[in-house]
N, C-alpha and C. Protein backbone atom coordinates (compact mmCIF):
# COMPACT_ATOMS: atom_id res chain seq x y z
N MET A 1 35.26 175.49 99.76
CA MET A 1 36.40 176.13 99.13
C MET A 1 37.67 175.42 99.59
N GLU A 2 38.59 175.24 98.67
CA GLU A 2 39.87 174.62 99.01
C GLU A 2 40.91 175.71 99.22
N ILE A 3 41.63 175.60 100.32
CA ILE A 3 42.67 176.57 100.67
C ILE A 3 43.98 175.83 100.83
N VAL A 4 45.06 176.37 100.22
CA VAL A 4 46.38 175.76 100.36
C VAL A 4 47.05 176.35 101.59
N ASN A 5 47.44 175.49 102.54
CA ASN A 5 48.16 175.92 103.73
C ASN A 5 49.64 176.02 103.36
N PRO A 6 50.24 177.24 103.42
CA PRO A 6 51.63 177.40 102.99
C PRO A 6 52.64 176.68 103.87
N THR A 7 52.30 176.42 105.10
CA THR A 7 53.23 175.78 106.03
C THR A 7 53.43 174.31 105.68
N ILE A 8 52.35 173.61 105.42
CA ILE A 8 52.46 172.18 105.16
C ILE A 8 52.12 171.80 103.73
N GLY A 9 51.72 172.79 102.90
CA GLY A 9 51.49 172.56 101.49
C GLY A 9 50.31 171.66 101.17
N THR A 10 49.36 171.55 102.06
CA THR A 10 48.21 170.70 101.79
C THR A 10 46.97 171.55 101.51
N VAL A 11 46.01 170.90 100.90
CA VAL A 11 44.75 171.56 100.60
C VAL A 11 43.78 171.32 101.74
N GLU A 12 43.19 172.40 102.24
CA GLU A 12 42.21 172.30 103.31
C GLU A 12 40.84 172.68 102.74
N THR A 13 39.85 171.93 103.08
CA THR A 13 38.51 172.26 102.60
C THR A 13 37.74 173.10 103.60
N ASN A 14 38.15 173.12 104.85
CA ASN A 14 37.50 173.93 105.88
C ASN A 14 38.47 175.00 106.34
N ALA A 15 38.44 176.12 105.65
CA ALA A 15 39.34 177.21 105.99
C ALA A 15 38.96 177.80 107.34
N GLN A 16 39.96 178.12 108.13
CA GLN A 16 39.73 178.77 109.42
C GLN A 16 40.06 180.25 109.26
N TYR A 17 39.03 181.06 109.18
CA TYR A 17 39.22 182.49 109.01
C TYR A 17 39.70 183.10 110.32
N ALA A 18 40.60 184.07 110.18
CA ALA A 18 41.15 184.75 111.35
C ALA A 18 40.13 185.76 111.86
N GLY A 19 39.83 185.70 113.14
CA GLY A 19 38.87 186.60 113.74
C GLY A 19 39.43 187.99 114.01
N PHE A 20 38.54 188.88 114.36
CA PHE A 20 38.89 190.27 114.58
C PHE A 20 39.99 190.45 115.63
N TRP A 21 39.85 189.82 116.79
CA TRP A 21 40.79 190.06 117.89
C TRP A 21 42.18 189.51 117.59
N ARG A 22 42.26 188.39 116.92
CA ARG A 22 43.57 187.84 116.56
C ARG A 22 44.24 188.76 115.53
N ARG A 23 43.46 189.24 114.58
CA ARG A 23 43.99 190.17 113.59
C ARG A 23 44.43 191.47 114.26
N PHE A 24 43.64 191.95 115.21
CA PHE A 24 43.98 193.17 115.94
C PHE A 24 45.29 192.99 116.71
N GLY A 25 45.46 191.85 117.36
CA GLY A 25 46.71 191.56 118.07
C GLY A 25 47.90 191.55 117.14
N ALA A 26 47.74 190.97 115.96
CA ALA A 26 48.82 190.94 114.97
C ALA A 26 49.17 192.36 114.53
N LEU A 27 48.15 193.19 114.35
CA LEU A 27 48.40 194.58 113.95
C LEU A 27 49.16 195.34 115.04
N LEU A 28 48.81 195.11 116.30
CA LEU A 28 49.53 195.77 117.39
C LEU A 28 51.01 195.37 117.39
N ILE A 29 51.28 194.09 117.18
CA ILE A 29 52.68 193.63 117.11
C ILE A 29 53.39 194.32 115.95
N ASP A 30 52.73 194.38 114.79
CA ASP A 30 53.34 195.03 113.62
C ASP A 30 53.59 196.51 113.87
N ILE A 31 52.67 197.18 114.53
CA ILE A 31 52.86 198.61 114.83
C ILE A 31 54.08 198.80 115.74
N LEU A 32 54.22 197.94 116.73
CA LEU A 32 55.39 198.03 117.61
C LEU A 32 56.68 197.80 116.83
N ILE A 33 56.68 196.81 115.97
CA ILE A 33 57.87 196.51 115.16
C ILE A 33 58.20 197.68 114.25
N LEU A 34 57.20 198.26 113.62
CA LEU A 34 57.42 199.34 112.65
C LEU A 34 57.79 200.67 113.29
N SER A 35 57.39 200.90 114.51
CA SER A 35 57.62 202.20 115.13
C SER A 35 59.11 202.49 115.32
N ILE A 36 59.89 201.49 115.59
CA ILE A 36 61.32 201.70 115.87
C ILE A 36 62.09 202.13 114.60
N PRO A 37 62.04 201.34 113.50
CA PRO A 37 62.79 201.79 112.32
C PRO A 37 62.23 203.08 111.71
N THR A 38 60.94 203.28 111.81
CA THR A 38 60.35 204.51 111.27
C THR A 38 60.88 205.72 112.01
N TYR A 39 60.89 205.65 113.32
CA TYR A 39 61.38 206.77 114.12
C TYR A 39 62.85 207.08 113.80
N PHE A 40 63.70 206.04 113.77
CA PHE A 40 65.12 206.26 113.55
C PHE A 40 65.41 206.73 112.13
N LEU A 41 64.72 206.20 111.14
CA LEU A 41 64.92 206.65 109.76
C LEU A 41 64.49 208.10 109.59
N ALA A 42 63.35 208.45 110.14
CA ALA A 42 62.85 209.82 110.03
C ALA A 42 63.79 210.78 110.74
N THR A 43 64.29 210.38 111.90
CA THR A 43 65.22 211.23 112.65
C THR A 43 66.52 211.39 111.89
N LEU A 44 67.02 210.29 111.34
CA LEU A 44 68.26 210.33 110.57
C LEU A 44 68.12 211.23 109.34
N LEU A 45 67.03 211.07 108.61
CA LEU A 45 66.83 211.87 107.40
C LEU A 45 66.47 213.32 107.70
N GLY A 46 65.86 213.57 108.85
CA GLY A 46 65.45 214.92 109.20
C GLY A 46 66.44 215.67 110.06
N ASP A 47 67.60 215.07 110.31
CA ASP A 47 68.57 215.66 111.25
C ASP A 47 69.74 216.31 110.52
N ASN A 48 69.45 217.09 109.53
CA ASN A 48 70.50 217.83 108.83
C ASN A 48 70.46 219.27 109.33
N THR A 49 71.29 219.57 110.32
CA THR A 49 71.21 220.88 110.99
C THR A 49 71.54 222.03 110.06
N ASN A 50 72.29 221.81 108.98
CA ASN A 50 72.60 222.90 108.05
C ASN A 50 71.32 223.43 107.39
N ASP A 51 70.34 222.58 107.21
CA ASP A 51 69.08 223.01 106.60
C ASP A 51 68.25 223.85 107.55
N TYR A 52 68.55 223.82 108.83
CA TYR A 52 67.72 224.50 109.82
C TYR A 52 68.19 225.93 110.13
N VAL A 53 69.31 226.34 109.56
CA VAL A 53 69.83 227.67 109.83
C VAL A 53 68.84 228.71 109.33
N ASN A 54 68.59 229.73 110.13
CA ASN A 54 67.68 230.83 109.81
C ASN A 54 66.23 230.37 109.65
N ARG A 55 65.84 229.29 110.27
CA ARG A 55 64.45 228.85 110.24
C ARG A 55 63.87 228.92 111.64
N THR A 56 62.60 229.15 111.70
CA THR A 56 61.94 229.15 113.00
C THR A 56 61.73 227.71 113.46
N GLY A 57 61.43 227.55 114.72
CA GLY A 57 61.17 226.22 115.26
C GLY A 57 59.98 225.56 114.58
N ASP A 58 58.99 226.36 114.21
CA ASP A 58 57.80 225.80 113.53
C ASP A 58 58.15 225.22 112.18
N GLU A 59 59.03 225.91 111.43
CA GLU A 59 59.43 225.41 110.11
C GLU A 59 60.18 224.09 110.23
N VAL A 60 61.06 223.99 111.21
CA VAL A 60 61.82 222.77 111.45
C VAL A 60 60.87 221.64 111.82
N GLU A 61 59.90 221.94 112.69
CA GLU A 61 58.94 220.93 113.12
C GLU A 61 58.09 220.42 111.96
N VAL A 62 57.64 221.33 111.11
CA VAL A 62 56.84 220.93 109.94
C VAL A 62 57.68 220.07 109.01
N GLN A 63 58.94 220.44 108.80
CA GLN A 63 59.80 219.66 107.93
C GLN A 63 60.01 218.26 108.51
N TYR A 64 60.26 218.17 109.81
CA TYR A 64 60.48 216.87 110.43
C TYR A 64 59.24 215.99 110.28
N PHE A 65 58.07 216.53 110.56
CA PHE A 65 56.85 215.72 110.47
C PHE A 65 56.53 215.34 109.03
N THR A 66 56.89 216.17 108.08
CA THR A 66 56.73 215.80 106.67
C THR A 66 57.63 214.62 106.35
N ILE A 67 58.88 214.70 106.76
CA ILE A 67 59.82 213.59 106.55
C ILE A 67 59.33 212.34 107.26
N TYR A 68 58.88 212.51 108.50
CA TYR A 68 58.38 211.36 109.27
C TYR A 68 57.20 210.69 108.56
N ASN A 69 56.28 211.47 108.05
CA ASN A 69 55.11 210.91 107.37
C ASN A 69 55.49 210.19 106.08
N VAL A 70 56.42 210.74 105.32
CA VAL A 70 56.86 210.09 104.09
C VAL A 70 57.57 208.78 104.41
N VAL A 71 58.48 208.83 105.37
CA VAL A 71 59.21 207.61 105.78
C VAL A 71 58.24 206.57 106.32
N SER A 72 57.32 207.00 107.16
CA SER A 72 56.34 206.08 107.74
C SER A 72 55.51 205.41 106.66
N PHE A 73 55.05 206.19 105.70
CA PHE A 73 54.26 205.65 104.59
C PHE A 73 55.05 204.60 103.83
N LEU A 74 56.29 204.92 103.45
CA LEU A 74 57.10 203.99 102.66
C LEU A 74 57.45 202.72 103.44
N VAL A 75 57.86 202.88 104.69
CA VAL A 75 58.24 201.73 105.51
C VAL A 75 57.03 200.82 105.73
N ASN A 76 55.89 201.41 106.07
CA ASN A 76 54.69 200.61 106.32
C ASN A 76 54.23 199.89 105.05
N TRP A 77 54.16 200.60 103.95
CA TRP A 77 53.72 200.00 102.69
C TRP A 77 54.62 198.83 102.30
N LEU A 78 55.94 199.05 102.32
CA LEU A 78 56.86 197.99 101.92
C LEU A 78 56.82 196.81 102.90
N TYR A 79 56.72 197.10 104.18
CA TYR A 79 56.64 196.04 105.19
C TYR A 79 55.44 195.13 104.93
N PHE A 80 54.26 195.72 104.82
CA PHE A 80 53.05 194.93 104.64
C PHE A 80 53.02 194.26 103.27
N ALA A 81 53.30 195.00 102.22
CA ALA A 81 53.20 194.45 100.87
C ALA A 81 54.24 193.37 100.60
N LEU A 82 55.48 193.60 101.01
CA LEU A 82 56.53 192.60 100.76
C LEU A 82 56.31 191.34 101.60
N LEU A 83 55.99 191.50 102.87
CA LEU A 83 55.84 190.31 103.72
C LEU A 83 54.57 189.53 103.40
N GLU A 84 53.46 190.21 103.10
CA GLU A 84 52.23 189.47 102.82
C GLU A 84 52.26 188.80 101.45
N SER A 85 53.13 189.26 100.54
CA SER A 85 53.26 188.61 99.25
C SER A 85 54.45 187.64 99.22
N SER A 86 55.14 187.51 100.33
CA SER A 86 56.30 186.61 100.42
C SER A 86 55.85 185.15 100.56
N ALA A 87 56.80 184.26 100.61
CA ALA A 87 56.49 182.83 100.76
C ALA A 87 55.77 182.55 102.08
N ARG A 88 56.05 183.32 103.11
CA ARG A 88 55.37 183.13 104.41
C ARG A 88 53.96 183.71 104.42
N GLN A 89 53.67 184.62 103.51
CA GLN A 89 52.35 185.22 103.34
C GLN A 89 51.86 185.97 104.58
N ALA A 90 52.79 186.49 105.37
CA ALA A 90 52.38 187.12 106.62
C ALA A 90 53.44 188.10 107.11
N THR A 91 52.97 189.14 107.78
CA THR A 91 53.87 190.03 108.50
C THR A 91 54.37 189.30 109.74
N PHE A 92 55.30 189.90 110.45
CA PHE A 92 55.81 189.26 111.67
C PHE A 92 54.71 189.14 112.72
N GLY A 93 53.84 190.13 112.81
CA GLY A 93 52.72 190.06 113.75
C GLY A 93 51.77 188.93 113.41
N LYS A 94 51.46 188.78 112.14
CA LYS A 94 50.59 187.67 111.72
C LYS A 94 51.27 186.32 111.96
N GLN A 95 52.57 186.24 111.66
CA GLN A 95 53.30 184.99 111.90
C GLN A 95 53.26 184.62 113.38
N ALA A 96 53.45 185.61 114.24
CA ALA A 96 53.46 185.35 115.69
C ALA A 96 52.13 184.78 116.17
N LEU A 97 51.04 185.15 115.51
CA LEU A 97 49.72 184.69 115.92
C LEU A 97 49.15 183.61 115.00
N GLY A 98 50.00 183.04 114.15
CA GLY A 98 49.58 181.93 113.31
C GLY A 98 48.60 182.29 112.21
N LEU A 99 48.79 183.45 111.59
CA LEU A 99 47.90 183.91 110.53
C LEU A 99 48.66 184.05 109.22
N TYR A 100 47.94 184.01 108.11
CA TYR A 100 48.54 184.27 106.80
C TYR A 100 47.48 184.82 105.86
N VAL A 101 47.94 185.50 104.80
CA VAL A 101 47.05 186.16 103.85
C VAL A 101 47.05 185.39 102.54
N THR A 102 45.84 185.18 101.99
CA THR A 102 45.70 184.52 100.68
C THR A 102 44.72 185.32 99.82
N ASP A 103 44.63 184.93 98.56
CA ASP A 103 43.53 185.46 97.76
C ASP A 103 42.29 184.64 98.10
N THR A 104 41.19 184.90 97.48
CA THR A 104 39.94 184.22 97.86
C THR A 104 39.92 182.75 97.45
N GLU A 105 40.90 182.34 96.66
CA GLU A 105 41.02 180.93 96.28
C GLU A 105 42.08 180.20 97.10
N GLY A 106 42.69 180.90 98.03
CA GLY A 106 43.70 180.29 98.90
C GLY A 106 45.10 180.33 98.37
N ARG A 107 45.32 181.08 97.31
CA ARG A 107 46.66 181.18 96.73
C ARG A 107 47.42 182.36 97.33
N ARG A 108 48.73 182.28 97.24
CA ARG A 108 49.59 183.38 97.68
C ARG A 108 49.27 184.62 96.85
N ILE A 109 49.26 185.78 97.51
CA ILE A 109 48.94 187.01 96.78
C ILE A 109 50.20 187.62 96.18
N THR A 110 50.01 188.38 95.12
CA THR A 110 51.12 189.06 94.46
C THR A 110 51.45 190.34 95.20
N PHE A 111 52.59 190.94 94.87
CA PHE A 111 52.97 192.22 95.46
C PHE A 111 51.94 193.29 95.09
N VAL A 112 51.43 193.25 93.87
CA VAL A 112 50.43 194.23 93.43
C VAL A 112 49.16 194.09 94.26
N LYS A 113 48.70 192.87 94.49
CA LYS A 113 47.49 192.65 95.29
C LYS A 113 47.74 193.05 96.75
N ALA A 114 48.94 192.77 97.25
CA ALA A 114 49.29 193.17 98.62
C ALA A 114 49.33 194.69 98.73
N THR A 115 49.78 195.35 97.68
CA THR A 115 49.79 196.82 97.65
C THR A 115 48.36 197.36 97.63
N LEU A 116 47.50 196.76 96.83
CA LEU A 116 46.09 197.15 96.80
C LEU A 116 45.46 196.96 98.18
N ARG A 117 45.78 195.85 98.83
CA ARG A 117 45.27 195.59 100.18
C ARG A 117 45.76 196.66 101.15
N TYR A 118 47.02 197.03 101.05
CA TYR A 118 47.57 198.06 101.93
C TYR A 118 46.85 199.39 101.73
N PHE A 119 46.68 199.81 100.48
CA PHE A 119 46.00 201.08 100.22
C PHE A 119 44.52 201.00 100.58
N GLY A 120 43.94 199.81 100.52
CA GLY A 120 42.58 199.62 100.99
C GLY A 120 42.46 199.89 102.48
N LYS A 121 43.55 199.70 103.21
CA LYS A 121 43.54 199.99 104.65
C LYS A 121 43.35 201.48 104.91
N VAL A 122 43.77 202.31 103.98
CA VAL A 122 43.53 203.75 104.11
C VAL A 122 42.02 203.99 104.12
N ILE A 123 41.32 203.32 103.22
CA ILE A 123 39.86 203.46 103.16
C ILE A 123 39.24 202.89 104.43
N SER A 124 39.75 201.75 104.90
CA SER A 124 39.25 201.17 106.15
C SER A 124 39.42 202.14 107.31
N SER A 125 40.51 202.88 107.30
CA SER A 125 40.78 203.86 108.37
C SER A 125 39.90 205.09 108.23
N LEU A 126 39.65 205.51 107.00
CA LEU A 126 38.84 206.72 106.78
C LEU A 126 37.39 206.54 107.20
N THR A 127 36.98 205.31 107.39
CA THR A 127 35.61 205.03 107.84
C THR A 127 35.53 205.02 109.36
N ILE A 128 36.46 205.71 109.99
CA ILE A 128 36.57 205.77 111.46
C ILE A 128 36.78 204.37 112.03
N GLY A 129 37.50 203.54 111.28
CA GLY A 129 37.82 202.20 111.74
C GLY A 129 36.75 201.15 111.46
N ILE A 130 35.61 201.58 110.92
CA ILE A 130 34.54 200.62 110.65
C ILE A 130 34.99 199.58 109.62
N GLY A 131 35.84 200.00 108.69
CA GLY A 131 36.37 199.07 107.70
C GLY A 131 37.12 197.91 108.34
N TYR A 132 37.81 198.17 109.44
CA TYR A 132 38.51 197.12 110.19
C TYR A 132 37.52 196.28 111.00
N ILE A 133 36.57 196.94 111.63
CA ILE A 133 35.60 196.25 112.49
C ILE A 133 34.73 195.28 111.69
N MET A 134 34.60 195.53 110.39
CA MET A 134 33.81 194.63 109.54
C MET A 134 34.28 193.18 109.65
N ALA A 135 35.57 192.98 109.95
CA ALA A 135 36.12 191.62 110.06
C ALA A 135 35.43 190.83 111.16
N ALA A 136 34.83 191.50 112.11
CA ALA A 136 34.13 190.80 113.19
C ALA A 136 32.74 190.33 112.76
N PHE A 137 32.23 190.87 111.67
CA PHE A 137 30.84 190.60 111.31
C PHE A 137 30.61 189.96 109.94
N THR A 138 31.63 189.90 109.09
CA THR A 138 31.43 189.29 107.77
C THR A 138 31.64 187.78 107.85
N ALA A 139 31.02 187.06 106.94
CA ALA A 139 31.04 185.59 106.98
C ALA A 139 32.46 185.02 106.92
N ARG A 140 33.31 185.61 106.09
CA ARG A 140 34.68 185.11 105.96
C ARG A 140 35.67 185.97 106.73
N LYS A 141 35.17 186.74 107.70
CA LYS A 141 35.99 187.58 108.58
C LYS A 141 36.85 188.56 107.77
N GLN A 142 36.27 189.11 106.72
CA GLN A 142 37.00 190.06 105.88
C GLN A 142 36.75 191.49 106.33
N ALA A 143 37.84 192.26 106.42
CA ALA A 143 37.74 193.69 106.63
C ALA A 143 37.50 194.34 105.27
N LEU A 144 37.19 195.61 105.27
CA LEU A 144 36.90 196.30 104.02
C LEU A 144 38.07 196.19 103.04
N HIS A 145 39.30 196.34 103.52
CA HIS A 145 40.46 196.25 102.63
C HIS A 145 40.63 194.84 102.06
N ASP A 146 40.19 193.81 102.78
CA ASP A 146 40.22 192.44 102.24
C ASP A 146 39.21 192.30 101.11
N ILE A 147 38.04 192.88 101.30
CA ILE A 147 37.02 192.83 100.26
C ILE A 147 37.49 193.57 99.02
N ILE A 148 38.08 194.76 99.20
CA ILE A 148 38.60 195.54 98.08
C ILE A 148 39.64 194.75 97.29
N ALA A 149 40.55 194.08 98.00
CA ALA A 149 41.65 193.36 97.35
C ALA A 149 41.34 191.89 97.07
N SER A 150 40.16 191.43 97.44
CA SER A 150 39.78 190.02 97.27
C SER A 150 40.78 189.10 97.97
N THR A 151 40.98 189.36 99.28
CA THR A 151 41.91 188.56 100.07
C THR A 151 41.22 188.02 101.31
N LEU A 152 41.87 187.04 101.91
CA LEU A 152 41.41 186.45 103.17
C LEU A 152 42.59 186.40 104.13
N VAL A 153 42.30 186.46 105.42
CA VAL A 153 43.32 186.23 106.43
C VAL A 153 42.89 184.95 107.14
N LEU A 154 43.76 183.95 107.10
CA LEU A 154 43.44 182.62 107.61
C LEU A 154 44.34 182.24 108.78
N ARG A 155 43.84 181.31 109.59
CA ARG A 155 44.61 180.73 110.68
C ARG A 155 45.28 179.47 110.19
N LYS A 156 46.49 179.24 110.65
CA LYS A 156 47.22 178.01 110.28
C LYS A 156 46.69 176.85 111.06
């Protein structure tokens, strides 16, 4: 299979698939990066004290966590989908570890495909993480969400 390396623009015939641990490290970096803006946005949007008048502490807490979950979902989806479909083809965590995302032919993925890949991660998570662990055992190091979206994660 021929894969186009986005950094140097050449065709490679021996693709280097990203292994489980490198992908896991990239995900940890991304989680750290995402936690800060998610927390501050959720706090900012959920900090309207006029709405809390005559409410119990439980109602305020439920409202905050609802806002936090919505903000977290939107921030995470846009972060992964926009960056993985960008010219760099990688989130900041993947870039830090020399990884990038392609389709199965080595081409840059579209925003729609990146979105499908992101929502496929929900399925990977619902399998108690087995969908992620699959990357350690499949021939092309694909997790379940990669298989769903027909994508690969490669090393530069």
